[in-house]
Amino acid sequence: MALLLAWLIGFFLALPQLWATWRYYPQSIRAQQTATDKQVVGSLPLRALILRMGTLQRLTWVDGVAPSEMHCYPGIVLLIGAFLCPLSAWHGILLLAMLLSLGRHTPVFQWTHRLHLRIPVRYTALVNLSLIVLGIGGWSSIVISETGGWLLLVGVAGEALLRYPSLSPSVPYCQRWMKPSTALSQPVVQFLQIHQRGFCASGLPYPHRTGLLAQVKTLGYNGGSQPQWMATLRQDTNPLGSGAHDWFLGATSEDTALLDAYGVKYLYTTRSLPSPRYRPTPVPHLYRNTRVRTPVPTWDDLAHGRSLRSA
């Protein structure tokens, strides 16, 4: 009864956001995505899923998805407790979450893809939650003393303190893929730090294109729930609609006035740029857009009253 009450309270608290999302969904690029689109990245093979549920290890990328998006190991204490838990509804939730995490590696994917997140392995968060609840339920069914409860708590906390810091270092997300010293020494970053002056850069290698590293101004991340009209306007060909962390990285042409409108003065690309509007810079693969004259202020610029000079 307590669990049902908690579900109802959570549902009604989330109802305004759920209703707004439901009304917006038909207008978003998500509504156009097919099962084929969602097979692009993020499906976890069964063996890899079970391995991640049962062990704590230094994880690697799987199917184009970062390891930080597929943690489902609850700790050895809770994992043992999950095996001891009497049959409950959470066993069904665990099996459903595992099924959805498999993505294209299951024959029912053609029918279940509408339930999927844009990246199926993100359902491992629900796998992890299910194991935690089952673990608590399992130990609660056999441990009745207060001392036993404290010992379990010490076991869970002890493993977290001893093992997790070495496997998940406390550094900004984007720096997990590239050390700051390496990132800052790249010629493209050094050049933009000196010459960018409020303008945007597009097409940068990851993680610079996120705009979170080295104070290089980019167009930032554009998520997979963007409106369909925006994807069409930007000529975005990415079936997941994420723009690959860069609004124009998936565009079919760099010769677009949108680059001017968004103040994109520098474009990094390995493709040839026949348009005379682009001039090479001293940095390989980095070009200057000669047609953009005025930088576009960000919300942060406006909030702090910064004035951006024209080029």
C-alpha atoms as a PDB file:
ATOM      1  CA  MET A   1       0.000   0.000   0.000  1.00  0.00           C
ATOM      2  CA  ALA A   2       2.828   2.394   0.842  1.00  0.00           C
ATOM      3  CA  LEU A   3       4.487   1.690  -2.530  1.00  0.00           C
ATOM      4  CA  LEU A   4       1.221   2.317  -4.392  1.00  0.00           C
ATOM      5  CA  LEU A   5       0.732   5.578  -2.512  1.00  0.00           C
ATOM      6  CA  ALA A   6       4.274   6.667  -3.408  1.00  0.00           C
ATOM      7  CA  TRP A   7       3.628   5.886  -7.088  1.00  0.00           C
ATOM      8  CA  LEU A   8       0.398   7.911  -7.057  1.00  0.00           C
ATOM      9  CA  ILE A   9       2.035  10.905  -5.388  1.00  0.00           C
ATOM     10  CA  GLY A  10       4.918  10.796  -7.871  1.00  0.00           C
ATOM     11  CA  PHE A  11       2.527  10.493 -10.814  1.00  0.00           C
ATOM     12  CA  PHE A  12       0.418  13.492  -9.815  1.00  0.00           C
ATOM     13  CA  LEU A  13       3.491  15.609  -9.082  1.00  0.00           C
ATOM     14  CA  ALA A  14       4.839  14.814 -12.565  1.00  0.00           C
ATOM     15  CA  LEU A  15       1.471  15.124 -14.319  1.00  0.00           C
ATOM     16  CA  PRO A  16       1.875  18.759 -15.521  1.00  0.00           C
ATOM     17  CA  GLN A  17       5.209  17.906 -17.193  1.00  0.00           C
ATOM     18  CA  LEU A  18       3.861  14.614 -18.570  1.00  0.00           C
ATOM     19  CA  TRP A  19       0.852  16.389 -20.070  1.00  0.00           C
ATOM     20  CA  ALA A  20       2.974  19.131 -21.658  1.00  0.00           C
ATOM     21  CA  THR A  21       5.359  16.527 -23.087  1.00  0.00           C
ATOM     22  CA  TRP A  22       2.478  14.459 -24.479  1.00  0.00           C
ATOM     23  CA  ARG A  23       1.032  17.511 -26.258  1.00  0.00           C
ATOM     24  CA  TYR A  24       4.431  18.585 -27.637  1.00  0.00           C
ATOM     25  CA  TYR A  25       5.566  15.118 -28.791  1.00  0.00           C
ATOM     26  CA  PRO A  26       3.723  15.081 -32.177  1.00  0.00           C
ATOM     27  CA  GLN A  27       5.539  18.292 -33.173  1.00  0.00           C
ATOM     28  CA  SER A  28       9.003  17.001 -32.276  1.00  0.00           C
ATOM     29  CA  ILE A  29      11.463  15.057 -34.371  1.00  0.00           C
ATOM     30  CA  ARG A  30      10.856  12.093 -32.041  1.00  0.00           C
ATOM     31  CA  ALA A  31       7.440  11.521 -33.618  1.00  0.00           C
ATOM     32  CA  GLN A  32       9.103  10.920 -36.990  1.00  0.00           C
ATOM     33  CA  GLN A  33      11.625   8.382 -35.715  1.00  0.00           C
ATOM     34  CA  THR A  34      11.234   4.769 -36.748  1.00  0.00           C
ATOM     35  CA  ALA A  35      12.573   1.535 -35.313  1.00  0.00           C
ATOM     36  CA  THR A  36      15.379   1.772 -37.881  1.00  0.00           C
ATOM     37  CA  ASP A  37      16.375   5.236 -36.642  1.00  0.00           C
ATOM     38  CA  LYS A  38      16.594   4.006 -33.050  1.00  0.00           C
ATOM     39  CA  GLN A  39      18.878   1.152 -34.065  1.00  0.00           C
ATOM     40  CA  VAL A  40      21.664   3.620 -34.862  1.00  0.00           C
ATOM     41  CA  VAL A  41      23.276   3.687 -31.394  1.00  0.00           C
ATOM     42  CA  GLY A  42      22.795   2.516 -27.862  1.00  0.00           C
ATOM     43  CA  SER A  43      21.656  -1.113 -27.905  1.00  0.00           C
ATOM     44  CA  LEU A  44      23.279  -3.314 -25.271  1.00  0.00           C
ATOM     45  CA  PRO A  45      23.895  -7.028 -25.980  1.00  0.00           C
ATOM     46  CA  LEU A  46      22.507  -9.392 -23.331  1.00  0.00           C
ATOM     47  CA  ARG A  47      25.952 -10.627 -22.244  1.00  0.00           C
ATOM     48  CA  ALA A  48      27.199  -7.053 -21.779  1.00  0.00           C
ATOM     49  CA  LEU A  49      24.071  -6.123 -19.814  1.00  0.00           C
ATOM     50  CA  ILE A  50      24.400  -9.065 -17.422  1.00  0.00           C
ATOM     51  CA  LEU A  51      28.103  -8.307 -16.979  1.00  0.00           C
ATOM     52  CA  ARG A  52      27.283  -4.719 -16.008  1.00  0.00           C
ATOM     53  CA  MET A  53      24.550  -5.836 -13.612  1.00  0.00           C
ATOM     54  CA  GLY A  54      26.837  -8.236 -11.796  1.00  0.00           C
ATOM     55  CA  THR A  55      30.223  -6.551 -11.629  1.00  0.00           C
ATOM     56  CA  LEU A  56      31.785  -3.178 -10.961  1.00  0.00           C
ATOM     57  CA  GLN A  57      34.499  -2.556 -13.514  1.00  0.00           C
ATOM     58  CA  ARG A  58      36.076   0.189 -15.553  1.00  0.00           C
ATOM     59  CA  LEU A  59      33.558   0.250 -18.365  1.00  0.00           C
ATOM     60  CA  THR A  60      34.142   1.018 -22.032  1.00  0.00           C
ATOM     61  CA  TRP A  61      32.039   2.509 -24.805  1.00  0.00           C
ATOM     62  CA  VAL A  62      29.393   0.171 -26.218  1.00  0.00           C
ATOM     63  CA  ASP A  63      27.583   0.750 -29.495  1.00  0.00           C
ATOM     64  CA  GLY A  64      28.530   4.424 -29.617  1.00  0.00           C
ATOM     65  CA  VAL A  65      27.413   5.228 -26.056  1.00  0.00           C
ATOM     66  CA  ALA A  66      29.586   6.452 -23.192  1.00  0.00           C
ATOM     67  CA  PRO A  67      29.977   4.138 -20.174  1.00  0.00           C
ATOM     68  CA  SER A  68      28.509   6.770 -17.862  1.00  0.00           C
ATOM     69  CA  GLU A  69      25.117   6.160 -19.499  1.00  0.00           C
ATOM     70  CA  MET A  70      24.857   2.464 -18.661  1.00  0.00           C
ATOM     71  CA  HIS A  71      25.588   1.949 -14.973  1.00  0.00           C
ATOM     72  CA  CYS A  72      23.395  -0.803 -13.509  1.00  0.00           C
ATOM     73  CA  TYR A  73      25.552  -2.385 -10.795  1.00  0.00           C
ATOM     74  CA  PRO A  74      23.946  -1.714  -7.372  1.00  0.00           C
ATOM     75  CA  GLY A  75      26.812  -3.057  -5.260  1.00  0.00           C
ATOM     76  CA  ILE A  76      27.535  -6.573  -4.059  1.00  0.00           C
ATOM     77  CA  VAL A  77      25.435  -6.233  -0.869  1.00  0.00           C
ATOM     78  CA  LEU A  78      22.273  -5.154  -2.697  1.00  0.00           C
ATOM     79  CA  LEU A  79      22.908  -7.619  -5.516  1.00  0.00           C
ATOM     80  CA  ILE A  80      22.910 -10.497  -3.026  1.00  0.00           C
ATOM     81  CA  GLY A  81      19.769  -9.066  -1.452  1.00  0.00           C
ATOM     82  CA  ALA A  82      18.046  -8.984  -4.855  1.00  0.00           C
ATOM     83  CA  PHE A  83      18.540 -12.745  -5.186  1.00  0.00           C
ATOM     84  CA  LEU A  84      17.001 -13.215  -1.724  1.00  0.00           C
ATOM     85  CA  CYS A  85      13.940 -11.057  -2.403  1.00  0.00           C
ATOM     86  CA  PRO A  86      10.560 -12.837  -2.590  1.00  0.00           C
ATOM     87  CA  LEU A  87       8.744 -12.564  -5.913  1.00  0.00           C
ATOM     88  CA  SER A  88       7.271  -9.081  -6.400  1.00  0.00           C
ATOM     89  CA  ALA A  89       6.162  -6.591  -9.044  1.00  0.00           C
ATOM     90  CA  TRP A  90       9.711  -5.229  -9.107  1.00  0.00           C
ATOM     91  CA  HIS A  91      10.901  -8.465 -10.711  1.00  0.00           C
ATOM     92  CA  GLY A  92       8.590  -7.671 -13.632  1.00  0.00           C
ATOM     93  CA  ILE A  93       9.882  -4.089 -13.804  1.00  0.00           C
ATOM     94  CA  LEU A  94      13.452  -5.431 -13.805  1.00  0.00           C
ATOM     95  CA  LEU A  95      12.746  -7.803 -16.695  1.00  0.00           C
ATOM     96  CA  LEU A  96      10.985  -5.060 -18.694  1.00  0.00           C
ATOM     97  CA  ALA A  97      13.870  -2.627 -18.144  1.00  0.00           C
ATOM     98  CA  MET A  98      16.368  -5.290 -19.225  1.00  0.00           C
ATOM     99  CA  LEU A  99      14.324  -6.006 -22.350  1.00  0.00           C
ATOM    100  CA  LEU A 100      14.175  -2.335 -23.302  1.00  0.00           C
ATOM    101  CA  SER A 101      17.926  -1.906 -22.645  1.00  0.00           C
ATOM    102  CA  LEU A 102      18.695  -4.583 -25.239  1.00  0.00           C
ATOM    103  CA  GLY A 103      17.291  -2.389 -28.022  1.00  0.00           C
ATOM    104  CA  ARG A 104      17.777  -3.973 -31.407  1.00  0.00           C
ATOM    105  CA  HIS A 105      19.244  -7.128 -29.829  1.00  0.00           C
ATOM    106  CA  THR A 106      15.754  -8.467 -29.175  1.00  0.00           C
ATOM    107  CA  PRO A 107      13.199  -9.676 -31.760  1.00  0.00           C
ATOM    108  CA  VAL A 108      10.398  -7.636 -30.158  1.00  0.00           C
ATOM    109  CA  PHE A 109      12.189  -4.351 -30.834  1.00  0.00           C
ATOM    110  CA  GLN A 110      10.019  -3.659 -33.869  1.00  0.00           C
ATOM    111  CA  TRP A 111       7.004  -3.484 -31.543  1.00  0.00           C
ATOM    112  CA  THR A 112       8.595  -1.986 -28.427  1.00  0.00           C
ATOM    113  CA  HIS A 113      10.595   0.846 -30.016  1.00  0.00           C
ATOM    114  CA  ARG A 114       7.796   3.349 -29.338  1.00  0.00           C
ATOM    115  CA  LEU A 115       8.451   2.807 -25.628  1.00  0.00           C
ATOM    116  CA  HIS A 116      12.136   3.450 -26.086  1.00  0.00           C
ATOM    117  CA  LEU A 117      14.225   6.369 -25.056  1.00  0.00           C
ATOM    118  CA  ARG A 118      16.304   7.775 -27.892  1.00  0.00           C
ATOM    119  CA  ILE A 119      19.171   5.604 -26.652  1.00  0.00           C
ATOM    120  CA  PRO A 120      17.926   2.216 -25.335  1.00  0.00           C
ATOM    121  CA  VAL A 121      20.792   1.607 -22.885  1.00  0.00           C
ATOM    122  CA  ARG A 122      19.549   4.494 -20.773  1.00  0.00           C
ATOM    123  CA  TYR A 123      16.955   2.062 -19.440  1.00  0.00           C
ATOM    124  CA  THR A 124      19.802   0.588 -17.397  1.00  0.00           C
ATOM    125  CA  ALA A 125      18.968   3.343 -14.887  1.00  0.00           C
ATOM    126  CA  LEU A 126      15.663   1.545 -14.310  1.00  0.00           C
ATOM    127  CA  VAL A 127      17.539  -1.764 -14.143  1.00  0.00           C
ATOM    128  CA  ASN A 128      19.711  -0.293 -11.407  1.00  0.00           C
ATOM    129  CA  LEU A 129      16.718   1.088  -9.496  1.00  0.00           C
ATOM    130  CA  SER A 130      14.955  -2.278  -9.679  1.00  0.00           C
ATOM    131  CA  LEU A 131      17.989  -4.097  -8.313  1.00  0.00           C
ATOM    132  CA  ILE A 132      18.291  -1.593  -5.461  1.00  0.00           C
ATOM    133  CA  VAL A 133      14.627  -1.989  -4.475  1.00  0.00           C
ATOM    134  CA  LEU A 134      14.837  -5.780  -4.735  1.00  0.00           C
ATOM    135  CA  GLY A 135      18.055  -5.761  -2.729  1.00  0.00           C
ATOM    136  CA  ILE A 136      16.448  -3.777   0.074  1.00  0.00           C
ATOM    137  CA  GLY A 137      13.405  -6.054  -0.034  1.00  0.00           C
ATOM    138  CA  GLY A 138      15.549  -9.166   0.076  1.00  0.00           C
ATOM    139  CA  TRP A 139      17.557  -8.142   3.116  1.00  0.00           C
ATOM    140  CA  SER A 140      14.464  -6.757   4.858  1.00  0.00           C
ATOM    141  CA  SER A 141      12.873 -10.210   4.670  1.00  0.00           C
ATOM    142  CA  ILE A 142      15.678 -11.874   6.674  1.00  0.00           C
ATOM    143  CA  VAL A 143      17.386  -9.122   8.687  1.00  0.00           C
ATOM    144  CA  ILE A 144      15.223  -8.103  11.634  1.00  0.00           C
ATOM    145  CA  SER A 145      17.728  -6.620  14.083  1.00  0.00           C
ATOM    146  CA  GLU A 146      18.855  -3.005  14.136  1.00  0.00           C
ATOM    147  CA  THR A 147      22.475  -4.163  14.310  1.00  0.00           C
ATOM    148  CA  GLY A 148      22.073  -6.197  11.135  1.00  0.00           C
ATOM    149  CA  GLY A 149      20.612  -3.146   9.355  1.00  0.00           C
ATOM    150  CA  TRP A 150      23.608  -1.030  10.356  1.00  0.00           C
ATOM    151  CA  LEU A 151      26.040  -3.696   9.134  1.00  0.00           C
ATOM    152  CA  LEU A 152      24.323  -3.744   5.731  1.00  0.00           C
ATOM    153  CA  LEU A 153      24.501   0.046   5.527  1.00  0.00           C
ATOM    154  CA  VAL A 154      28.214  -0.028   6.358  1.00  0.00           C
ATOM    155  CA  GLY A 155      28.756  -2.680   3.686  1.00  0.00           C
ATOM    156  CA  VAL A 156      26.994  -0.647   0.981  1.00  0.00           C
ATOM    157  CA  ALA A 157      28.730   2.607   1.954  1.00  0.00           C
ATOM    158  CA  GLY A 158      32.101   0.908   2.326  1.00  0.00           C
ATOM    159  CA  GLU A 159      32.069  -0.518  -1.193  1.00  0.00           C
ATOM    160  CA  ALA A 160      30.978   2.809  -2.631  1.00  0.00           C
ATOM    161  CA  LEU A 161      33.755   4.712  -0.855  1.00  0.00           C
ATOM    162  CA  LEU A 162      36.493   2.213  -1.638  1.00  0.00           C
ATOM    163  CA  ARG A 163      35.717   1.247  -5.223  1.00  0.00           C
ATOM    164  CA  TYR A 164      33.764   3.951  -7.014  1.00  0.00           C
ATOM    165  CA  PRO A 165      36.243   6.885  -6.864  1.00  0.00           C
ATOM    166  CA  SER A 166      38.867   4.925  -8.808  1.00  0.00           C
ATOM    167  CA  LEU A 167      36.368   3.930 -11.505  1.00  0.00           C
ATOM    168  CA  SER A 168      34.421   7.159 -11.885  1.00  0.00           C
ATOM    169  CA  PRO A 169      36.815  10.078 -11.292  1.00  0.00           C
ATOM    170  CA  SER A 170      35.299  13.341 -10.122  1.00  0.00           C
ATOM    171  CA  VAL A 171      35.974  15.478 -13.185  1.00  0.00           C
ATOM    172  CA  PRO A 172      33.637  17.371 -15.534  1.00  0.00           C
ATOM    173  CA  TYR A 173      31.808  15.021 -17.886  1.00  0.00           C
ATOM    174  CA  CYS A 174      33.440  16.211 -21.100  1.00  0.00           C
ATOM    175  CA  GLN A 175      36.935  15.917 -19.624  1.00  0.00           C
ATOM    176  CA  ARG A 176      36.550  12.169 -19.107  1.00  0.00           C
ATOM    177  CA  TRP A 177      37.302  11.633 -22.791  1.00  0.00           C
ATOM    178  CA  MET A 178      40.169  14.073 -23.070  1.00  0.00           C
ATOM    179  CA  LYS A 179      42.543  15.356 -20.415  1.00  0.00           C
ATOM    180  CA  PRO A 180      42.423  19.149 -19.998  1.00  0.00           C
ATOM    181  CA  SER A 181      46.155  19.392 -20.670  1.00  0.00           C
ATOM    182  CA  THR A 182      45.689  17.590 -23.993  1.00  0.00           C
ATOM    183  CA  ALA A 183      42.607  19.565 -24.954  1.00  0.00           C
ATOM    184  CA  LEU A 184      44.114  22.962 -24.218  1.00  0.00           C
ATOM    185  CA  SER A 185      47.256  22.226 -26.193  1.00  0.00           C
ATOM    186  CA  GLN A 186      45.354  21.650 -29.424  1.00  0.00           C
ATOM    187  CA  PRO A 187      46.109  24.383 -31.991  1.00  0.00           C
ATOM    188  CA  VAL A 188      42.437  24.861 -32.854  1.00  0.00           C
ATOM    189  CA  VAL A 189      41.596  25.650 -29.225  1.00  0.00           C
ATOM    190  CA  GLN A 190      44.549  27.985 -28.769  1.00  0.00           C
ATOM    191  CA  PHE A 191      43.634  29.867 -31.955  1.00  0.00           C
ATOM    192  CA  LEU A 192      39.965  30.266 -30.996  1.00  0.00           C
ATOM    193  CA  GLN A 193      40.791  31.447 -27.487  1.00  0.00           C
ATOM    194  CA  ILE A 194      42.682  34.367 -29.028  1.00  0.00           C
ATOM    195  CA  HIS A 195      40.604  35.170 -32.130  1.00  0.00           C
ATOM    196  CA  GLN A 196      37.038  34.087 -31.415  1.00  0.00           C
ATOM    197  CA  ARG A 197      35.959  37.276 -29.590  1.00  0.00           C
ATOM    198  CA  GLY A 198      32.298  36.448 -29.060  1.00  0.00           C
ATOM    199  CA  PHE A 199      31.691  34.617 -32.336  1.00  0.00           C
ATOM    200  CA  CYS A 200      30.713  30.948 -32.504  1.00  0.00           C
ATOM    201  CA  ALA A 201      32.641  27.981 -33.843  1.00  0.00           C
ATOM    202  CA  SER A 202      31.010  24.934 -35.410  1.00  0.00           C
ATOM    203  CA  GLY A 203      32.083  21.408 -36.281  1.00  0.00           C
ATOM    204  CA  LEU A 204      34.735  21.141 -33.552  1.00  0.00           C
ATOM    205  CA  PRO A 205      35.969  17.722 -32.438  1.00  0.00           C
ATOM    206  CA  TYR A 206      34.385  16.235 -29.332  1.00  0.00           C
ATOM    207  CA  PRO A 207      34.341  17.314 -26.540  1.00  0.00           C
ATOM    208  CA  HIS A 208      34.944  20.931 -27.590  1.00  0.00           C
ATOM    209  CA  ARG A 209      31.686  21.101 -29.522  1.00  0.00           C
ATOM    210  CA  THR A 210      29.735  20.834 -26.265  1.00  0.00           C
ATOM    211  CA  GLY A 211      30.941  24.293 -25.298  1.00  0.00           C
ATOM    212  CA  LEU A 212      31.953  23.059 -21.852  1.00  0.00           C
ATOM    213  CA  LEU A 213      35.700  22.905 -22.244  1.00  0.00           C
ATOM    214  CA  ALA A 214      38.419  25.519 -22.681  1.00  0.00           C
ATOM    215  CA  GLN A 215      35.866  28.381 -22.818  1.00  0.00           C
ATOM    216  CA  VAL A 216      35.437  27.966 -26.560  1.00  0.00           C
ATOM    217  CA  LYS A 217      32.048  29.314 -27.651  1.00  0.00           C
ATOM    218  CA  THR A 218      29.993  26.892 -29.743  1.00  0.00           C
ATOM    219  CA  LEU A 219      26.353  26.501 -30.635  1.00  0.00           C
ATOM    220  CA  GLY A 220      26.091  23.926 -27.886  1.00  0.00           C
ATOM    221  CA  TYR A 221      24.075  20.763 -27.579  1.00  0.00           C
ATOM    222  CA  ASN A 222      20.755  20.405 -29.374  1.00  0.00           C
ATOM    223  CA  GLY A 223      18.814  17.475 -27.976  1.00  0.00           C
ATOM    224  CA  GLY A 224      16.766  14.878 -29.769  1.00  0.00           C
ATOM    225  CA  SER A 225      13.442  16.478 -28.806  1.00  0.00           C
ATOM    226  CA  GLN A 226      13.823  19.520 -31.027  1.00  0.00           C
ATOM    227  CA  PRO A 227      10.818  20.608 -33.119  1.00  0.00           C
ATOM    228  CA  GLN A 228      10.605  19.044 -36.559  1.00  0.00           C
ATOM    229  CA  TRP A 229      10.549  22.465 -38.203  1.00  0.00           C
ATOM    230  CA  MET A 230      13.910  23.332 -36.607  1.00  0.00           C
ATOM    231  CA  ALA A 231      15.548  20.163 -37.919  1.00  0.00           C
ATOM    232  CA  THR A 232      14.178  20.927 -41.389  1.00  0.00           C
ATOM    233  CA  LEU A 233      15.402  24.540 -41.218  1.00  0.00           C
ATOM    234  CA  ARG A 234      18.891  23.417 -40.199  1.00  0.00           C
ATOM    235  CA  GLN A 235      18.970  20.675 -42.853  1.00  0.00           C
ATOM    236  CA  ASP A 236      19.778  18.219 -40.069  1.00  0.00           C
ATOM    237  CA  THR A 237      20.108  14.717 -41.487  1.00  0.00           C
ATOM    238  CA  ASN A 238      20.823  12.986 -38.171  1.00  0.00           C
ATOM    239  CA  PRO A 239      17.961  10.466 -37.666  1.00  0.00           C
ATOM    240  CA  LEU A 240      18.265  10.838 -33.894  1.00  0.00           C
ATOM    241  CA  GLY A 241      17.900  14.590 -34.176  1.00  0.00           C
ATOM    242  CA  SER A 242      20.704  15.368 -31.780  1.00  0.00           C
ATOM    243  CA  GLY A 243      22.816  17.361 -34.187  1.00  0.00           C
ATOM    244  CA  ALA A 244      25.767  15.375 -32.829  1.00  0.00           C
ATOM    245  CA  HIS A 245      26.208  18.031 -30.121  1.00  0.00           C
ATOM    246  CA  ASP A 246      26.538  20.650 -32.853  1.00  0.00           C
ATOM    247  CA  TRP A 247      23.662  22.236 -34.702  1.00  0.00           C
ATOM    248  CA  PHE A 248      25.344  22.303 -38.095  1.00  0.00           C
ATOM    249  CA  LEU A 249      27.548  19.229 -37.929  1.00  0.00           C
ATOM    250  CA  GLY A 250      24.850  17.188 -39.641  1.00  0.00           C
ATOM    251  CA  ALA A 251      23.911  19.835 -42.204  1.00  0.00           C
ATOM    252  CA  THR A 252      24.118  18.913 -45.871  1.00  0.00           C
ATOM    253  CA  SER A 253      25.757  22.212 -46.788  1.00  0.00           C
ATOM    254  CA  GLU A 254      27.946  24.778 -45.070  1.00  0.00           C
ATOM    255  CA  ASP A 255      26.831  27.437 -47.546  1.00  0.00           C
ATOM    256  CA  THR A 256      23.800  28.537 -45.581  1.00  0.00           C
ATOM    257  CA  ALA A 257      22.724  31.907 -44.247  1.00  0.00           C
ATOM    258  CA  LEU A 258      21.897  30.241 -40.936  1.00  0.00           C
ATOM    259  CA  LEU A 259      25.590  30.183 -40.104  1.00  0.00           C
ATOM    260  CA  ASP A 260      25.636  33.950 -40.453  1.00  0.00           C
ATOM    261  CA  ALA A 261      22.464  34.352 -38.416  1.00  0.00           C
ATOM    262  CA  TYR A 262      23.934  32.385 -35.543  1.00  0.00           C
ATOM    263  CA  GLY A 263      27.245  34.223 -35.640  1.00  0.00           C
ATOM    264  CA  VAL A 264      29.318  31.209 -36.728  1.00  0.00           C
ATOM    265  CA  LYS A 265      32.620  32.745 -37.792  1.00  0.00           C
ATOM    266  CA  TYR A 266      34.783  29.622 -37.606  1.00  0.00           C
ATOM    267  CA  LEU A 267      34.017  26.228 -39.099  1.00  0.00           C
ATOM    268  CA  TYR A 268      36.109  23.128 -38.481  1.00  0.00           C
ATOM    269  CA  THR A 269      35.712  20.463 -41.142  1.00  0.00           C
ATOM    270  CA  THR A 270      37.765  17.927 -43.080  1.00  0.00           C
ATOM    271  CA  ARG A 271      35.518  18.421 -46.121  1.00  0.00           C
ATOM    272  CA  SER A 272      36.534  20.748 -48.927  1.00  0.00           C
ATOM    273  CA  LEU A 273      34.827  24.145 -48.880  1.00  0.00           C
ATOM    274  CA  PRO A 274      34.494  25.447 -52.436  1.00  0.00           C
ATOM    275  CA  SER A 275      32.480  28.479 -51.370  1.00  0.00           C
ATOM    276  CA  PRO A 276      34.505  31.728 -51.594  1.00  0.00           C
ATOM    277  CA  ARG A 277      32.972  32.869 -48.311  1.00  0.00           C
ATOM    278  CA  TYR A 278      35.429  30.674 -46.394  1.00  0.00           C
ATOM    279  CA  ARG A 279      39.082  31.517 -45.919  1.00  0.00           C
ATOM    280  CA  PRO A 280      41.616  29.097 -44.415  1.00  0.00           C
ATOM    281  CA  THR A 281      43.212  29.956 -41.083  1.00  0.00           C
ATOM    282  CA  PRO A 282      46.717  29.007 -39.920  1.00  0.00           C
ATOM    283  CA  VAL A 283      45.122  25.979 -38.228  1.00  0.00           C
ATOM    284  CA  PRO A 284      44.496  22.954 -40.498  1.00  0.00           C
ATOM    285  CA  HIS A 285      40.809  22.284 -41.247  1.00  0.00           C
ATOM    286  CA  LEU A 286      39.690  25.495 -39.524  1.00  0.00           C
ATOM    287  CA  TYR A 287      38.054  28.057 -41.834  1.00  0.00           C
ATOM    288  CA  ARG A 288      36.868  31.628 -41.289  1.00  0.00           C
ATOM    289  CA  ASN A 289      33.426  32.684 -42.473  1.00  0.00           C
ATOM    290  CA  THR A 290      34.009  36.088 -44.093  1.00  0.00           C
ATOM    291  CA  ARG A 291      30.313  36.877 -44.411  1.00  0.00           C
ATOM    292  CA  VAL A 292      29.463  37.021 -40.726  1.00  0.00           C
ATOM    293  CA  ARG A 293      30.082  40.439 -39.202  1.00  0.00           C
ATOM    294  CA  THR A 294      28.304  40.624 -35.864  1.00  0.00           C
ATOM    295  CA  PRO A 295      28.478  38.068 -33.064  1.00  0.00           C
ATOM    296  CA  VAL A 296      25.202  36.828 -31.624  1.00  0.00           C
ATOM    297  CA  PRO A 297      24.953  37.326 -27.844  1.00  0.00           C
ATOM    298  CA  THR A 298      24.078  34.358 -25.671  1.00  0.00           C
ATOM    299  CA  TRP A 299      21.609  34.496 -22.787  1.00  0.00           C
ATOM    300  CA  ASP A 300      24.612  34.689 -20.486  1.00  0.00           C
ATOM    301  CA  ASP A 301      25.919  37.726 -22.395  1.00  0.00           C
ATOM    302  CA  LEU A 302      22.553  39.448 -22.116  1.00  0.00           C
ATOM    303  CA  ALA A 303      22.165  38.593 -18.430  1.00  0.00           C
ATOM    304  CA  HIS A 304      25.538  40.141 -17.617  1.00  0.00           C
ATOM    305  CA  GLY A 305      25.084  43.147 -19.897  1.00  0.00           C
ATOM    306  CA  ARG A 306      28.042  42.274 -22.122  1.00  0.00           C
ATOM    307  CA  SER A 307      28.380  44.221 -25.376  1.00  0.00           C
ATOM    308  CA  LEU A 308      29.786  42.287 -28.315  1.00  0.00           C
ATOM    309  CA  ARG A 309      31.776  44.185 -30.906  1.00  0.00           C
ATOM    310  CA  SER A 310      31.289  43.770 -34.615  1.00  0.00           C
ATOM    311  CA  ALA A 311      34.111  42.243 -36.630  1.00  0.00           C
END
